[in-house]
């Protein structure tokens, strides 16, 4: 499990233990939703950069052959 997975599990456990989720639907509060959305957007941007870097490296390797 990586650091992101651990932080997701920890934040989920914290929400559940603190009662931040609705008892009826188990939904996140608006603040928690926006925090989680921000985390996902950051991770998505990181993954996009990683893919772009790998594509460039792949192109360079193909040119060498």
Protein backbone atom coordinates (compact mmCIF):
# COMPACT_ATOMS: atom_id res chain seq x y z
CA UNK A 1 0.00 0.00 0.00
CA UNK A 2 1.43 3.40 -0.92
CA UNK A 3 1.30 6.68 0.98
CA UNK A 4 -1.82 7.89 -0.84
CA UNK A 5 -3.71 4.68 -0.05
CA UNK A 6 -2.74 5.02 3.60
CA UNK A 7 -3.86 8.63 3.79
CA UNK A 8 -7.19 7.76 2.15
CA UNK A 9 -7.80 4.96 4.63
CA UNK A 10 -6.76 7.13 7.57
CA UNK A 11 -9.01 10.02 6.51
CA UNK A 12 -11.92 7.63 5.95
CA UNK A 13 -11.42 6.12 9.41
CA UNK A 14 -11.23 9.59 10.95
CA UNK A 15 -14.50 10.65 9.27
CA UNK A 16 -16.26 7.50 10.38
CA UNK A 17 -15.05 7.76 13.97
CA UNK A 18 -15.79 11.49 14.20
CA UNK A 19 -19.31 11.11 12.83
CA UNK A 20 -18.62 13.39 9.85
CA UNK A 21 -20.59 11.10 7.57
CA UNK A 22 -24.35 11.20 7.40
CA UNK A 23 -25.86 8.30 9.30
CA UNK A 24 -28.61 7.96 6.70
CA UNK A 25 -26.59 7.87 3.47
CA UNK A 26 -22.96 7.67 4.59
CA UNK A 27 -22.11 10.71 2.45
CA UNK A 28 -19.27 13.15 3.03
CA UNK A 29 -19.93 16.59 4.40
CA UNK A 30 -19.49 19.44 1.92
CA UNK A 31 -16.11 20.39 3.43
CA UNK A 32 -14.88 16.79 3.34
CA UNK A 33 -16.11 16.45 -0.22
CA UNK A 34 -14.20 19.55 -1.32
CA UNK A 35 -11.07 18.39 0.54
CA UNK A 36 -11.28 14.99 -1.13
CA UNK A 37 -11.93 16.58 -4.52
CA UNK A 38 -8.81 18.70 -4.09
CA UNK A 39 -6.78 15.61 -3.18
CA UNK A 40 -8.03 13.77 -6.25
CA UNK A 41 -7.33 16.72 -8.55
CA UNK A 42 -3.77 16.95 -7.19
CA UNK A 43 -3.21 13.23 -7.65
CA UNK A 44 -4.70 13.38 -11.16
CA UNK A 45 -2.31 16.19 -12.13
CA UNK A 46 0.62 14.21 -10.71
CA UNK A 47 -0.37 11.16 -12.74
CA UNK A 48 -0.74 13.23 -15.91
CA UNK A 49 2.79 14.59 -15.44
CA UNK A 50 4.12 11.08 -14.83
CA UNK A 51 2.50 9.77 -18.01
CA UNK A 52 3.90 12.70 -20.00
CA UNK A 53 7.40 12.05 -18.64
CA UNK A 54 7.17 8.36 -19.48
CA UNK A 55 5.96 9.12 -23.00
CA UNK A 56 8.94 11.41 -23.56
CA UNK A 57 11.36 8.79 -22.22
CA UNK A 58 9.75 6.16 -24.43
CA UNK A 59 10.11 8.38 -27.51
CA UNK A 60 13.79 9.01 -26.70
CA UNK A 61 14.44 5.29 -26.33
CA UNK A 62 12.76 4.54 -29.66
CA UNK A 63 14.92 7.16 -31.41
CA UNK A 64 18.11 5.54 -30.11
CA UNK A 65 17.20 2.20 -31.73
